[in-house]
Structure formats: structure tokens, C-alpha cells
Amino acid sequence: MDLTDEIKSSLGDEWLPAIYTEKVRPQRTRSIHIDVPTRENIAEIQYTLLGIELKVGKRRFACPDLATARYLRVFARAGVLDFAIPYDITKISPLADELETAWQRAGILAAELTRKESDQAKKRFRNKLVKVMRTEIEEAGAGAAMPEFNRETRQRAN
């Protein structure tokens, strides 16, 4: 059994791509594209005079609120370019909590499983783990740019 499979099975429903596939994608979502390198990135949330920004390398992305910035940061860290974000803004914060926790737990498990390895081996394994996460999220897809609003409406009779 590969170490990435071991981490995936030990996290179960708390595996980051599983949360994305089971809790984000079934909702009404819109797709987002961020232009970041497809590798593990350092993503920082910055508070500026103009609001909240997510900084990845030299790129900055304006965010409407902290919850959205935290949500975007998870995907920017993993190097995912296209992903879905819930259309209902009240659902972003709890999902950001779950996704950040899943990211941290995967990192902790990776560090535990490779603690006796060399630094190069640790980096190689972490890169492989992030790549597996990224490909599973990309396979789930980003969905449509805007959600569909096909609901029946009543017209006033005049």
C-alpha cells in the first residue's frame, strides 16, 4: 500500500478531495479560475486598505471577505487552477474550516509517516501527496461559471 493511499484511507471522509466532491460539488456553485503554479504554493491572506487579498507568489487576488479568502487559499496552496465555490455565501465559511482542517491533517500525517526519511524524500512525498489531491479535485471538476436558476416563477396577472 502506497503512503498516499494510507493517508487517504486514514482520513476517510476528511480527505480534502472527498470533502470537495461530496460537500461542495453537489451544491449550487460557480467556478473560479486562479492563475497559480500547478504545485504546492505558499498562500497568504493579507489585509490591505482596499480589503482582503490572497497573495500567492507575486500574484494577488481580491477577496470579498475573509471566509472566501480562506476557501481560495486551500486550493491555491494545492495549485488547483479551476474549482467550484458555493454560490450561497453562508456556506463558504464552514467549508473553508473543513478544507483547511483536511489540508493540515494530511500534512501532519505525511510528516508522521516520513519522519525517518531524508529531507529530500519528505519533499518528494509531500509533492506526490499534493499532486494526488490536485488531480482528484480536478477530476471532480469546477462546474459552470454561473449556476443555473431554472425555477418556476409566478407572474402577476394584470
C-alpha atoms as a PDB file:
ATOM      1  CA  MET A   1       0.000   0.000   0.000  1.00  0.00           C
ATOM      2  CA  ASP A   2       1.353   3.395  -1.028  1.00  0.00           C
ATOM      3  CA  LEU A   3       1.755   6.085   1.647  1.00  0.00           C
ATOM      4  CA  THR A   4      -0.668   8.407  -0.172  1.00  0.00           C
ATOM      5  CA  ASP A   5      -3.280   5.639  -0.143  1.00  0.00           C
ATOM      6  CA  GLU A   6      -2.593   5.131   3.565  1.00  0.00           C
ATOM      7  CA  ILE A   7      -3.189   8.835   4.277  1.00  0.00           C
ATOM      8  CA  LYS A   8      -6.282   8.825   2.089  1.00  0.00           C
ATOM      9  CA  SER A   9      -7.768   5.802   3.848  1.00  0.00           C
ATOM     10  CA  SER A  10      -6.919   7.047   7.348  1.00  0.00           C
ATOM     11  CA  LEU A  11      -8.555  10.419   6.668  1.00  0.00           C
ATOM     12  CA  GLY A  12     -11.618   8.834   5.055  1.00  0.00           C
ATOM     13  CA  ASP A  13     -14.368  11.443   4.746  1.00  0.00           C
ATOM     14  CA  GLU A  14     -11.924  14.115   5.926  1.00  0.00           C
ATOM     15  CA  TRP A  15      -9.716  13.679   2.824  1.00  0.00           C
ATOM     16  CA  LEU A  16      -9.682  17.090   1.111  1.00  0.00           C
ATOM     17  CA  PRO A  17     -10.839  15.890  -2.350  1.00  0.00           C
ATOM     18  CA  ALA A  18     -13.607  13.846  -0.679  1.00  0.00           C
ATOM     19  CA  ILE A  19     -14.927  16.953   1.093  1.00  0.00           C
ATOM     20  CA  TYR A  20     -14.814  18.841  -2.192  1.00  0.00           C
ATOM     21  CA  THR A  21     -16.559  16.054  -4.122  1.00  0.00           C
ATOM     22  CA  GLU A  22     -19.214  15.254  -1.516  1.00  0.00           C
ATOM     23  CA  LYS A  23     -19.960  18.643   0.046  1.00  0.00           C
ATOM     24  CA  VAL A  24     -19.039  21.352  -2.445  1.00  0.00           C
ATOM     25  CA  ARG A  25     -19.870  19.946  -5.885  1.00  0.00           C
ATOM     26  CA  PRO A  26     -23.455  18.802  -5.132  1.00  0.00           C
ATOM     27  CA  GLN A  27     -24.379  22.377  -4.161  1.00  0.00           C
ATOM     28  CA  ARG A  28     -25.204  25.250  -6.457  1.00  0.00           C
ATOM     29  CA  THR A  29     -21.738  26.567  -7.241  1.00  0.00           C
ATOM     30  CA  ARG A  30     -19.878  28.861  -9.575  1.00  0.00           C
ATOM     31  CA  SER A  31     -16.473  28.112 -10.986  1.00  0.00           C
ATOM     32  CA  ILE A  32     -13.371  30.116 -10.205  1.00  0.00           C
ATOM     33  CA  HIS A  33     -10.074  30.263 -12.057  1.00  0.00           C
ATOM     34  CA  ILE A  34      -6.930  31.432 -10.284  1.00  0.00           C
ATOM     35  CA  ASP A  35      -3.647  31.744 -12.090  1.00  0.00           C
ATOM     36  CA  VAL A  36      -1.191  29.989  -9.766  1.00  0.00           C
ATOM     37  CA  PRO A  37       1.589  27.470 -10.460  1.00  0.00           C
ATOM     38  CA  THR A  38       0.412  23.845 -10.503  1.00  0.00           C
ATOM     39  CA  ARG A  39       2.461  22.805  -7.486  1.00  0.00           C
ATOM     40  CA  GLU A  40       2.300  23.353  -3.750  1.00  0.00           C
ATOM     41  CA  ASN A  41       2.306  27.104  -3.131  1.00  0.00           C
ATOM     42  CA  ILE A  42       2.644  29.431  -0.183  1.00  0.00           C
ATOM     43  CA  ALA A  43      -0.581  31.413   0.015  1.00  0.00           C
ATOM     44  CA  GLU A  44      -1.018  34.313   2.426  1.00  0.00           C
ATOM     45  CA  ILE A  45      -4.094  36.288   3.375  1.00  0.00           C
ATOM     46  CA  GLN A  46      -3.303  39.989   3.534  1.00  0.00           C
ATOM     47  CA  TYR A  47      -5.371  42.820   4.931  1.00  0.00           C
ATOM     48  CA  THR A  48      -4.975  45.966   2.842  1.00  0.00           C
ATOM     49  CA  LEU A  49      -6.659  49.353   2.762  1.00  0.00           C
ATOM     50  CA  LEU A  50      -8.744  48.117  -0.155  1.00  0.00           C
ATOM     51  CA  GLY A  51      -9.888  44.938   1.600  1.00  0.00           C
ATOM     52  CA  ILE A  52      -8.711  41.361   1.867  1.00  0.00           C
ATOM     53  CA  GLU A  53      -6.343  39.841  -0.675  1.00  0.00           C
ATOM     54  CA  LEU A  54      -4.898  36.401  -1.216  1.00  0.00           C
ATOM     55  CA  LYS A  55      -1.231  36.556  -2.171  1.00  0.00           C
ATOM     56  CA  VAL A  56       0.322  33.607  -3.998  1.00  0.00           C
ATOM     57  CA  GLY A  57       3.881  34.330  -5.065  1.00  0.00           C
ATOM     58  CA  LYS A  58       3.741  37.725  -6.741  1.00  0.00           C
ATOM     59  CA  ARG A  59       0.056  37.386  -7.699  1.00  0.00           C
ATOM     60  CA  ARG A  60      -2.720  38.946  -5.649  1.00  0.00           C
ATOM     61  CA  PHE A  61      -6.397  38.055  -5.758  1.00  0.00           C
ATOM     62  CA  ALA A  62      -9.010  40.389  -4.282  1.00  0.00           C
ATOM     63  CA  CYS A  63     -11.482  38.632  -1.995  1.00  0.00           C
ATOM     64  CA  PRO A  64     -14.834  39.979  -0.811  1.00  0.00           C
ATOM     65  CA  ASP A  65     -14.433  38.601   2.716  1.00  0.00           C
ATOM     66  CA  LEU A  66     -12.197  36.528   4.973  1.00  0.00           C
ATOM     67  CA  ALA A  67     -14.186  33.302   4.507  1.00  0.00           C
ATOM     68  CA  THR A  68     -13.745  33.459   0.740  1.00  0.00           C
ATOM     69  CA  ALA A  69     -10.029  34.183   1.129  1.00  0.00           C
ATOM     70  CA  ARG A  70      -9.623  31.166   3.409  1.00  0.00           C
ATOM     71  CA  TYR A  71     -11.557  28.990   0.939  1.00  0.00           C
ATOM     72  CA  LEU A  72      -9.439  30.143  -2.012  1.00  0.00           C
ATOM     73  CA  ARG A  73      -6.226  29.690  -0.025  1.00  0.00           C
ATOM     74  CA  VAL A  74      -6.756  25.932   0.286  1.00  0.00           C
ATOM     75  CA  PHE A  75      -6.949  25.493  -3.480  1.00  0.00           C
ATOM     76  CA  ALA A  76      -4.133  27.975  -4.145  1.00  0.00           C
ATOM     77  CA  ARG A  77      -1.882  26.006  -1.779  1.00  0.00           C
ATOM     78  CA  ALA A  78      -2.570  22.819  -3.720  1.00  0.00           C
ATOM     79  CA  GLY A  79      -2.056  24.548  -7.069  1.00  0.00           C
ATOM     80  CA  VAL A  80      -5.585  23.909  -8.319  1.00  0.00           C
ATOM     81  CA  LEU A  81      -6.388  26.347 -11.127  1.00  0.00           C
ATOM     82  CA  ASP A  82     -10.132  25.743 -11.619  1.00  0.00           C
ATOM     83  CA  PHE A  83     -12.517  24.819  -8.833  1.00  0.00           C
ATOM     84  CA  ALA A  84     -16.041  25.445  -7.577  1.00  0.00           C
ATOM     85  CA  ILE A  85     -17.123  27.809  -4.818  1.00  0.00           C
ATOM     86  CA  PRO A  86     -20.601  27.725  -3.241  1.00  0.00           C
ATOM     87  CA  TYR A  87     -22.959  30.353  -4.613  1.00  0.00           C
ATOM     88  CA  ASP A  88     -24.524  30.733  -1.162  1.00  0.00           C
ATOM     89  CA  ILE A  89     -22.006  32.809   0.796  1.00  0.00           C
ATOM     90  CA  THR A  90     -23.227  31.476   4.154  1.00  0.00           C
ATOM     91  CA  LYS A  91     -21.847  28.024   3.250  1.00  0.00           C
ATOM     92  CA  ILE A  92     -18.322  29.191   2.401  1.00  0.00           C
ATOM     93  CA  SER A  93     -17.029  29.670   5.966  1.00  0.00           C
ATOM     94  CA  PRO A  94     -17.919  26.183   7.306  1.00  0.00           C
ATOM     95  CA  LEU A  95     -16.497  24.590   4.171  1.00  0.00           C
ATOM     96  CA  ALA A  96     -13.320  26.663   4.474  1.00  0.00           C
ATOM     97  CA  ASP A  97     -12.963  25.347   8.043  1.00  0.00           C
ATOM     98  CA  GLU A  98     -13.325  21.743   6.891  1.00  0.00           C
ATOM     99  CA  LEU A  99     -10.998  22.146   3.916  1.00  0.00           C
ATOM    100  CA  GLU A 100      -8.286  23.877   5.968  1.00  0.00           C
ATOM    101  CA  THR A 101      -8.521  21.191   8.647  1.00  0.00           C
ATOM    102  CA  ALA A 102      -8.249  18.457   5.998  1.00  0.00           C
ATOM    103  CA  TRP A 103      -5.188  20.172   4.488  1.00  0.00           C
ATOM    104  CA  GLN A 104      -3.493  20.427   7.889  1.00  0.00           C
ATOM    105  CA  ARG A 105      -4.314  16.841   8.881  1.00  0.00           C
ATOM    106  CA  ALA A 106      -2.941  15.488   5.597  1.00  0.00           C
ATOM    107  CA  GLY A 107       0.264  17.470   6.177  1.00  0.00           C
ATOM    108  CA  ILE A 108       0.599  16.195   9.731  1.00  0.00           C
ATOM    109  CA  LEU A 109       0.050  12.574   8.651  1.00  0.00           C
ATOM    110  CA  ALA A 110       2.581  12.992   5.836  1.00  0.00           C
ATOM    111  CA  ALA A 111       5.143  14.344   8.306  1.00  0.00           C
ATOM    112  CA  GLU A 112       4.444  11.469  10.720  1.00  0.00           C
ATOM    113  CA  LEU A 113       4.773   8.761   8.072  1.00  0.00           C
ATOM    114  CA  THR A 114       8.024  10.188   6.673  1.00  0.00           C
ATOM    115  CA  ARG A 115       9.714  11.307   9.899  1.00  0.00           C
ATOM    116  CA  LYS A 116      12.564   8.794   9.468  1.00  0.00           C
ATOM    117  CA  GLU A 117      13.159   9.714   5.815  1.00  0.00           C
ATOM    118  CA  SER A 118      15.656  12.211   4.445  1.00  0.00           C
ATOM    119  CA  ASP A 119      14.565  15.786   3.737  1.00  0.00           C
ATOM    120  CA  GLN A 120      14.539  15.087   0.001  1.00  0.00           C
ATOM    121  CA  ALA A 121      12.327  12.041   0.459  1.00  0.00           C
ATOM    122  CA  LYS A 122       9.948  14.061   2.658  1.00  0.00           C
ATOM    123  CA  LYS A 123       9.668  16.775  -0.004  1.00  0.00           C
ATOM    124  CA  ARG A 124       9.159  14.216  -2.766  1.00  0.00           C
ATOM    125  CA  PHE A 125       6.390  12.515  -0.814  1.00  0.00           C
ATOM    126  CA  ARG A 126       4.662  15.798   0.072  1.00  0.00           C
ATOM    127  CA  ASN A 127       4.780  16.841  -3.595  1.00  0.00           C
ATOM    128  CA  LYS A 128       3.267  13.497  -4.578  1.00  0.00           C
ATOM    129  CA  LEU A 129       0.530  13.871  -1.943  1.00  0.00           C
ATOM    130  CA  VAL A 130      -0.361  17.381  -3.144  1.00  0.00           C
ATOM    131  CA  LYS A 131      -0.399  16.159  -6.758  1.00  0.00           C
ATOM    132  CA  VAL A 132      -2.818  13.356  -5.858  1.00  0.00           C
ATOM    133  CA  MET A 133      -5.100  15.860  -4.107  1.00  0.00           C
ATOM    134  CA  ARG A 134      -4.916  18.249  -7.060  1.00  0.00           C
ATOM    135  CA  THR A 135      -5.732  15.591  -9.664  1.00  0.00           C
ATOM    136  CA  GLU A 136      -8.702  14.276  -7.651  1.00  0.00           C
ATOM    137  CA  ILE A 137     -10.104  17.797  -7.278  1.00  0.00           C
ATOM    138  CA  GLU A 138      -9.578  18.461 -10.995  1.00  0.00           C
ATOM    139  CA  GLU A 139     -11.360  15.202 -11.827  1.00  0.00           C
ATOM    140  CA  ALA A 140     -14.369  16.348  -9.797  1.00  0.00           C
ATOM    141  CA  GLY A 141     -14.434  19.463 -11.963  1.00  0.00           C
ATOM    142  CA  ALA A 142     -15.185  23.117 -11.428  1.00  0.00           C
ATOM    143  CA  GLY A 143     -18.692  23.150 -12.838  1.00  0.00           C
ATOM    144  CA  ALA A 144     -20.339  26.016 -14.680  1.00  0.00           C
ATOM    145  CA  ALA A 145     -19.137  29.604 -14.496  1.00  0.00           C
ATOM    146  CA  MET A 146     -22.552  30.629 -13.164  1.00  0.00           C
ATOM    147  CA  PRO A 147     -25.165  28.372 -11.539  1.00  0.00           C
ATOM    148  CA  GLU A 148     -28.408  27.625 -13.315  1.00  0.00           C
ATOM    149  CA  PHE A 149     -31.533  29.261 -11.962  1.00  0.00           C
ATOM    150  CA  ASN A 150     -34.202  27.128 -13.562  1.00  0.00           C
ATOM    151  CA  ARG A 151     -37.010  27.630 -11.088  1.00  0.00           C
ATOM    152  CA  GLU A 152     -40.681  28.233 -11.713  1.00  0.00           C
ATOM    153  CA  THR A 153     -41.800  31.791 -11.041  1.00  0.00           C
ATOM    154  CA  ARG A 154     -45.321  33.140 -10.732  1.00  0.00           C
ATOM    155  CA  GLN A 155     -46.175  36.115 -12.873  1.00  0.00           C
ATOM    156  CA  ARG A 156     -48.587  38.769 -11.699  1.00  0.00           C
ATOM    157  CA  ALA A 157     -51.844  38.668 -13.610  1.00  0.00           C
ATOM    158  CA  ASN A 158     -52.811  42.180 -14.696  1.00  0.00           C
END
